Amino acid sequence: MTGTLNKVMLIGHTGDEIKMHYFEGGNAVGRFPLATNDSYINKTTGERVNTTEWHNIVMRNKAAELCEKWLKKGDKIYIEGRLKTRKTQDDQGRERYSTEIQCTDFTFLTPKGGTSG
């Protein structure tokens, strides 16, 4: 294979309501955290260990507006997208890096009117 691939697929629960930012010209960006869980057995103690990984999800325009309307904290969602790392500077001038999932497709998995679990 000579090409490259930057693709992420996640199923998780939203950690907060979507935060929307609107721009002149009608464009919008929505951001929310997504939690994915994993578990394994500790070989030393034999105990089950549960871990949670948090992902920063970024959606644009109509997709963001749909999620703002229908997603609530704790809802389950399938996200498909690509990784993007941003570099910023903090107040002391130090470089900070954050990795986001730029969403290209999604599917709501919590039934409408249902409870999240």
N, C-alpha and C. Protein backbone atom coordinates (compact mmCIF):
# COMPACT_ATOMS: atom_id res chain seq x y z
N MET A 1 0.86 -1.18 0.00
CA MET A 1 0.00 0.00 0.00
C MET A 1 0.90 1.24 0.00
N THR A 2 0.66 2.13 -0.92
CA THR A 2 1.50 3.33 -1.02
C THR A 2 0.87 4.54 -0.35
N GLY A 3 -0.42 4.50 -0.09
CA GLY A 3 -1.10 5.64 0.52
C GLY A 3 -1.04 5.59 2.04
N THR A 4 -1.68 6.54 2.67
CA THR A 4 -1.77 6.56 4.12
C THR A 4 -3.23 6.59 4.53
N LEU A 5 -3.48 6.31 5.80
CA LEU A 5 -4.84 6.26 6.29
C LEU A 5 -4.89 6.89 7.67
N ASN A 6 -5.84 7.79 7.88
CA ASN A 6 -6.08 8.42 9.18
C ASN A 6 -7.56 8.24 9.45
N LYS A 7 -7.92 7.15 10.15
CA LYS A 7 -9.33 6.84 10.37
C LYS A 7 -9.52 6.35 11.80
N VAL A 8 -10.55 6.88 12.45
CA VAL A 8 -10.89 6.51 13.82
C VAL A 8 -12.35 6.10 13.85
N MET A 9 -12.66 5.01 14.56
CA MET A 9 -14.03 4.57 14.79
C MET A 9 -14.19 4.35 16.29
N LEU A 10 -15.17 5.02 16.89
CA LEU A 10 -15.39 4.93 18.33
C LEU A 10 -16.87 4.71 18.62
N ILE A 11 -17.15 3.93 19.65
CA ILE A 11 -18.49 3.84 20.22
C ILE A 11 -18.32 4.16 21.68
N GLY A 12 -19.03 5.19 22.14
CA GLY A 12 -18.89 5.58 23.53
C GLY A 12 -20.07 6.41 23.99
N HIS A 13 -19.90 6.94 25.21
CA HIS A 13 -20.94 7.75 25.83
C HIS A 13 -20.46 9.20 25.94
N THR A 14 -21.35 10.13 25.65
CA THR A 14 -21.00 11.54 25.73
C THR A 14 -20.76 11.92 27.20
N GLY A 15 -19.74 12.73 27.42
CA GLY A 15 -19.39 13.13 28.77
C GLY A 15 -19.98 14.46 29.17
N ASP A 16 -20.59 15.17 28.23
CA ASP A 16 -21.17 16.48 28.50
C ASP A 16 -22.06 16.85 27.32
N GLU A 17 -22.79 17.94 27.48
CA GLU A 17 -23.58 18.49 26.37
C GLU A 17 -22.61 19.04 25.33
N ILE A 18 -23.06 19.12 24.09
CA ILE A 18 -22.21 19.67 23.03
C ILE A 18 -22.09 21.18 23.20
N LYS A 19 -20.88 21.69 23.07
CA LYS A 19 -20.61 23.14 23.17
C LYS A 19 -20.49 23.68 21.75
N MET A 20 -21.39 24.60 21.40
CA MET A 20 -21.46 25.13 20.05
C MET A 20 -20.77 26.49 19.94
N HIS A 21 -20.14 26.73 18.80
CA HIS A 21 -19.57 28.03 18.45
C HIS A 21 -20.04 28.35 17.04
N TYR A 22 -20.66 29.51 16.88
CA TYR A 22 -21.19 29.93 15.58
C TYR A 22 -20.31 31.04 15.01
N PHE A 23 -20.15 31.04 13.70
CA PHE A 23 -19.31 32.01 13.01
C PHE A 23 -20.14 32.79 12.00
N GLU A 24 -19.60 33.91 11.58
CA GLU A 24 -20.26 34.68 10.52
C GLU A 24 -20.33 33.81 9.27
N GLY A 25 -21.40 33.94 8.53
CA GLY A 25 -21.57 33.12 7.33
C GLY A 25 -22.35 31.85 7.60
N GLY A 26 -22.71 31.60 8.87
CA GLY A 26 -23.55 30.45 9.18
C GLY A 26 -22.82 29.18 9.56
N ASN A 27 -21.49 29.16 9.52
CA ASN A 27 -20.76 27.96 9.91
C ASN A 27 -20.80 27.77 11.42
N ALA A 28 -20.71 26.51 11.84
CA ALA A 28 -20.75 26.18 13.26
C ALA A 28 -19.78 25.05 13.56
N VAL A 29 -19.26 25.05 14.80
CA VAL A 29 -18.41 23.98 15.29
C VAL A 29 -18.96 23.55 16.64
N GLY A 30 -19.09 22.25 16.83
CA GLY A 30 -19.53 21.71 18.10
C GLY A 30 -18.47 20.78 18.66
N ARG A 31 -18.28 20.83 19.98
CA ARG A 31 -17.28 19.99 20.65
C ARG A 31 -17.91 19.32 21.85
N PHE A 32 -17.52 18.06 22.08
CA PHE A 32 -17.94 17.37 23.30
C PHE A 32 -16.96 16.23 23.59
N PRO A 33 -16.86 15.85 24.87
CA PRO A 33 -16.02 14.70 25.23
C PRO A 33 -16.78 13.39 25.06
N LEU A 34 -16.06 12.36 24.67
CA LEU A 34 -16.64 11.03 24.49
C LEU A 34 -15.81 10.04 25.31
N ALA A 35 -16.49 9.22 26.10
CA ALA A 35 -15.81 8.23 26.94
C ALA A 35 -15.95 6.83 26.32
N THR A 36 -14.81 6.14 26.22
CA THR A 36 -14.82 4.73 25.84
C THR A 36 -14.23 3.94 27.00
N ASN A 37 -14.75 2.74 27.22
CA ASN A 37 -14.33 1.93 28.36
C ASN A 37 -13.65 0.65 27.90
N ASP A 38 -12.75 0.16 28.74
CA ASP A 38 -12.05 -1.09 28.48
C ASP A 38 -11.87 -1.78 29.82
N SER A 39 -11.76 -3.09 29.80
CA SER A 39 -11.50 -3.81 31.04
C SER A 39 -10.56 -4.97 30.74
N TYR A 40 -9.79 -5.34 31.74
CA TYR A 40 -8.86 -6.46 31.62
C TYR A 40 -8.67 -7.06 33.01
N ILE A 41 -8.09 -8.25 33.05
CA ILE A 41 -7.80 -8.93 34.30
C ILE A 41 -6.33 -8.69 34.65
N ASN A 42 -6.08 -8.13 35.83
CA ASN A 42 -4.72 -7.94 36.32
C ASN A 42 -4.13 -9.31 36.62
N LYS A 43 -3.03 -9.67 35.94
CA LYS A 43 -2.46 -11.01 36.08
C LYS A 43 -1.88 -11.24 37.47
N THR A 44 -1.46 -10.17 38.15
CA THR A 44 -0.87 -10.31 39.48
C THR A 44 -1.94 -10.55 40.54
N THR A 45 -3.00 -9.74 40.51
CA THR A 45 -4.03 -9.82 41.56
C THR A 45 -5.24 -10.63 41.15
N GLY A 46 -5.43 -10.86 39.85
CA GLY A 46 -6.60 -11.57 39.37
C GLY A 46 -7.85 -10.72 39.36
N GLU A 47 -7.74 -9.43 39.67
CA GLU A 47 -8.89 -8.54 39.71
C GLU A 47 -9.17 -7.95 38.34
N ARG A 48 -10.45 -7.67 38.10
CA ARG A 48 -10.84 -6.98 36.88
C ARG A 48 -10.56 -5.49 37.05
N VAL A 49 -9.89 -4.90 36.06
CA VAL A 49 -9.57 -3.48 36.08
C VAL A 49 -10.34 -2.81 34.95
N ASN A 50 -11.10 -1.77 35.29
CA ASN A 50 -11.85 -1.00 34.29
C ASN A 50 -11.15 0.33 34.06
N THR A 51 -10.99 0.68 32.79
CA THR A 51 -10.37 1.96 32.44
C THR A 51 -11.29 2.75 31.52
N THR A 52 -11.20 4.07 31.59
CA THR A 52 -11.96 4.95 30.72
C THR A 52 -10.99 5.86 29.98
N GLU A 53 -11.17 5.95 28.68
CA GLU A 53 -10.38 6.85 27.84
C GLU A 53 -11.29 7.96 27.35
N TRP A 54 -10.83 9.20 27.44
CA TRP A 54 -11.63 10.35 27.01
C TRP A 54 -11.10 10.87 25.68
N HIS A 55 -12.04 11.17 24.77
CA HIS A 55 -11.71 11.66 23.44
C HIS A 55 -12.41 13.00 23.21
N ASN A 56 -11.71 13.93 22.57
CA ASN A 56 -12.29 15.24 22.23
C ASN A 56 -12.86 15.14 20.82
N ILE A 57 -14.19 15.26 20.71
CA ILE A 57 -14.88 15.14 19.43
C ILE A 57 -15.21 16.53 18.89
N VAL A 58 -14.94 16.74 17.60
CA VAL A 58 -15.25 18.02 16.94
C VAL A 58 -16.13 17.72 15.73
N MET A 59 -17.27 18.43 15.67
CA MET A 59 -18.20 18.30 14.55
C MET A 59 -18.43 19.66 13.93
N ARG A 60 -18.82 19.67 12.69
CA ARG A 60 -19.01 20.94 11.99
C ARG A 60 -20.42 21.06 11.40
N ASN A 61 -20.87 22.29 11.34
CA ASN A 61 -22.09 22.70 10.63
C ASN A 61 -23.31 21.87 10.98
N LYS A 62 -23.99 21.27 9.99
CA LYS A 62 -25.26 20.58 10.23
C LYS A 62 -25.11 19.40 11.19
N ALA A 63 -23.99 18.68 11.09
CA ALA A 63 -23.76 17.56 12.00
C ALA A 63 -23.72 18.05 13.45
N ALA A 64 -23.03 19.16 13.68
CA ALA A 64 -22.95 19.73 15.03
C ALA A 64 -24.32 20.17 15.51
N GLU A 65 -25.09 20.79 14.64
CA GLU A 65 -26.42 21.26 15.02
C GLU A 65 -27.36 20.10 15.34
N LEU A 66 -27.27 19.01 14.58
CA LEU A 66 -28.08 17.82 14.88
C LEU A 66 -27.71 17.24 16.24
N CYS A 67 -26.42 17.15 16.52
CA CYS A 67 -25.98 16.61 17.81
C CYS A 67 -26.38 17.53 18.95
N GLU A 68 -26.32 18.83 18.74
CA GLU A 68 -26.75 19.76 19.78
C GLU A 68 -28.23 19.53 20.11
N LYS A 69 -29.02 19.27 19.08
CA LYS A 69 -30.46 19.10 19.27
C LYS A 69 -30.80 17.77 19.95
N TRP A 70 -30.12 16.68 19.57
CA TRP A 70 -30.55 15.35 19.98
C TRP A 70 -29.68 14.67 21.04
N LEU A 71 -28.40 15.07 21.17
CA LEU A 71 -27.52 14.39 22.12
C LEU A 71 -27.63 14.98 23.51
N LYS A 72 -27.63 14.11 24.50
CA LYS A 72 -27.58 14.53 25.90
C LYS A 72 -26.39 13.85 26.56
N LYS A 73 -25.97 14.38 27.67
CA LYS A 73 -24.88 13.77 28.43
C LYS A 73 -25.23 12.32 28.75
N GLY A 74 -24.31 11.41 28.48
CA GLY A 74 -24.52 9.99 28.75
C GLY A 74 -25.05 9.19 27.58
N ASP A 75 -25.47 9.85 26.50
CA ASP A 75 -25.98 9.13 25.33
C ASP A 75 -24.86 8.36 24.64
N LYS A 76 -25.24 7.24 24.04
CA LYS A 76 -24.29 6.41 23.31
C LYS A 76 -24.31 6.82 21.84
N ILE A 77 -23.10 6.91 21.24
CA ILE A 77 -22.99 7.34 19.85
C ILE A 77 -21.81 6.64 19.18
N TYR A 78 -21.96 6.37 17.89
CA TYR A 78 -20.88 5.87 17.06
C TYR A 78 -20.29 7.06 16.32
N ILE A 79 -18.98 7.21 16.40
CA ILE A 79 -18.27 8.32 15.74
C ILE A 79 -17.25 7.75 14.77
N GLU A 80 -17.21 8.31 13.59
CA GLU A 80 -16.18 7.97 12.61
C GLU A 80 -15.51 9.27 12.20
N GLY A 81 -14.20 9.26 12.11
CA GLY A 81 -13.50 10.49 11.75
C GLY A 81 -12.01 10.28 11.60
N ARG A 82 -11.28 11.37 11.78
CA ARG A 82 -9.82 11.31 11.67
C ARG A 82 -9.18 12.10 12.80
N LEU A 83 -7.96 11.72 13.13
CA LEU A 83 -7.22 12.39 14.19
C LEU A 83 -6.63 13.70 13.70
N LYS A 84 -6.66 14.69 14.56
CA LYS A 84 -6.04 15.98 14.26
C LYS A 84 -5.41 16.49 15.55
N THR A 85 -4.14 16.85 15.49
CA THR A 85 -3.44 17.39 16.65
C THR A 85 -3.24 18.88 16.44
N ARG A 86 -3.62 19.66 17.46
CA ARG A 86 -3.46 21.12 17.40
C ARG A 86 -2.39 21.55 18.40
N LYS A 87 -1.63 22.58 18.03
CA LYS A 87 -0.61 23.14 18.91
C LYS A 87 -1.04 24.55 19.29
N THR A 88 -1.06 24.83 20.60
CA THR A 88 -1.39 26.16 21.10
C THR A 88 -0.35 26.56 22.13
N GLN A 89 -0.41 27.82 22.57
CA GLN A 89 0.47 28.30 23.63
C GLN A 89 -0.37 28.68 24.84
N ASP A 90 0.13 28.30 26.03
CA ASP A 90 -0.58 28.68 27.24
C ASP A 90 -0.17 30.08 27.68
N ASP A 91 -0.68 30.53 28.81
CA ASP A 91 -0.42 31.88 29.29
C ASP A 91 1.06 32.15 29.57
N GLN A 92 1.82 31.10 29.88
CA GLN A 92 3.25 31.25 30.14
C GLN A 92 4.10 31.07 28.89
N GLY A 93 3.47 30.91 27.74
CA GLY A 93 4.19 30.79 26.48
C GLY A 93 4.64 29.37 26.16
N ARG A 94 4.25 28.39 26.97
CA ARG A 94 4.62 27.00 26.71
C ARG A 94 3.71 26.41 25.65
N GLU A 95 4.29 25.56 24.81
CA GLU A 95 3.51 24.89 23.77
C GLU A 95 2.69 23.77 24.38
N ARG A 96 1.42 23.69 23.98
CA ARG A 96 0.52 22.64 24.42
C ARG A 96 -0.05 21.97 23.18
N TYR A 97 -0.20 20.66 23.28
CA TYR A 97 -0.76 19.89 22.18
C TYR A 97 -2.05 19.22 22.63
N SER A 98 -3.04 19.20 21.75
CA SER A 98 -4.27 18.47 22.04
C SER A 98 -4.66 17.69 20.77
N THR A 99 -5.13 16.48 20.99
CA THR A 99 -5.55 15.63 19.89
C THR A 99 -7.07 15.54 19.89
N GLU A 100 -7.66 15.73 18.72
CA GLU A 100 -9.10 15.72 18.56
C GLU A 100 -9.50 14.69 17.51
N ILE A 101 -10.74 14.29 17.57
CA ILE A 101 -11.33 13.46 16.52
C ILE A 101 -12.21 14.38 15.69
N GLN A 102 -11.83 14.62 14.44
CA GLN A 102 -12.64 15.41 13.52
C GLN A 102 -13.68 14.46 12.91
N CYS A 103 -14.92 14.60 13.36
CA CYS A 103 -15.98 13.67 12.98
C CYS A 103 -16.38 13.85 11.51
N THR A 104 -16.44 12.72 10.79
CA THR A 104 -16.91 12.74 9.40
C THR A 104 -18.25 12.01 9.24
N ASP A 105 -18.59 11.14 10.22
CA ASP A 105 -19.85 10.42 10.17
C ASP A 105 -20.21 10.00 11.60
N PHE A 106 -21.49 9.84 11.87
CA PHE A 106 -21.92 9.43 13.20
C PHE A 106 -23.28 8.76 13.13
N THR A 107 -23.58 7.98 14.17
CA THR A 107 -24.88 7.34 14.31
C THR A 107 -25.28 7.39 15.78
N PHE A 108 -26.46 7.89 16.07
CA PHE A 108 -26.97 7.87 17.43
C PHE A 108 -27.31 6.44 17.81
N LEU A 109 -26.87 5.98 18.98
CA LEU A 109 -27.14 4.62 19.41
C LEU A 109 -28.09 4.53 20.59
N THR A 110 -28.34 5.64 21.27
CA THR A 110 -29.32 5.67 22.34
C THR A 110 -30.69 5.87 21.72
N PRO A 111 -31.65 4.99 21.99
CA PRO A 111 -32.98 5.16 21.40
C PRO A 111 -33.59 6.50 21.79
N LYS A 112 -34.26 7.13 20.85
CA LYS A 112 -34.92 8.41 21.10
C LYS A 112 -35.97 8.22 22.20
N GLY A 113 -35.89 9.07 23.22
CA GLY A 113 -36.81 8.96 24.34
C GLY A 113 -36.41 7.89 25.32
N GLY A 114 -35.28 7.18 25.03
CA GLY A 114 -34.81 6.13 25.92
C GLY A 114 -33.86 6.68 26.96
N THR A 115 -33.46 5.83 27.85
CA THR A 115 -32.49 6.24 28.87
C THR A 115 -31.12 5.77 28.46
N SER A 116 -30.12 6.56 28.81
CA SER A 116 -28.76 6.17 28.50
C SER A 116 -28.26 5.24 29.60
N GLY A 117 -27.29 4.39 29.23
CA GLY A 117 -26.83 3.43 30.21
C GLY A 117 -25.40 3.19 30.21
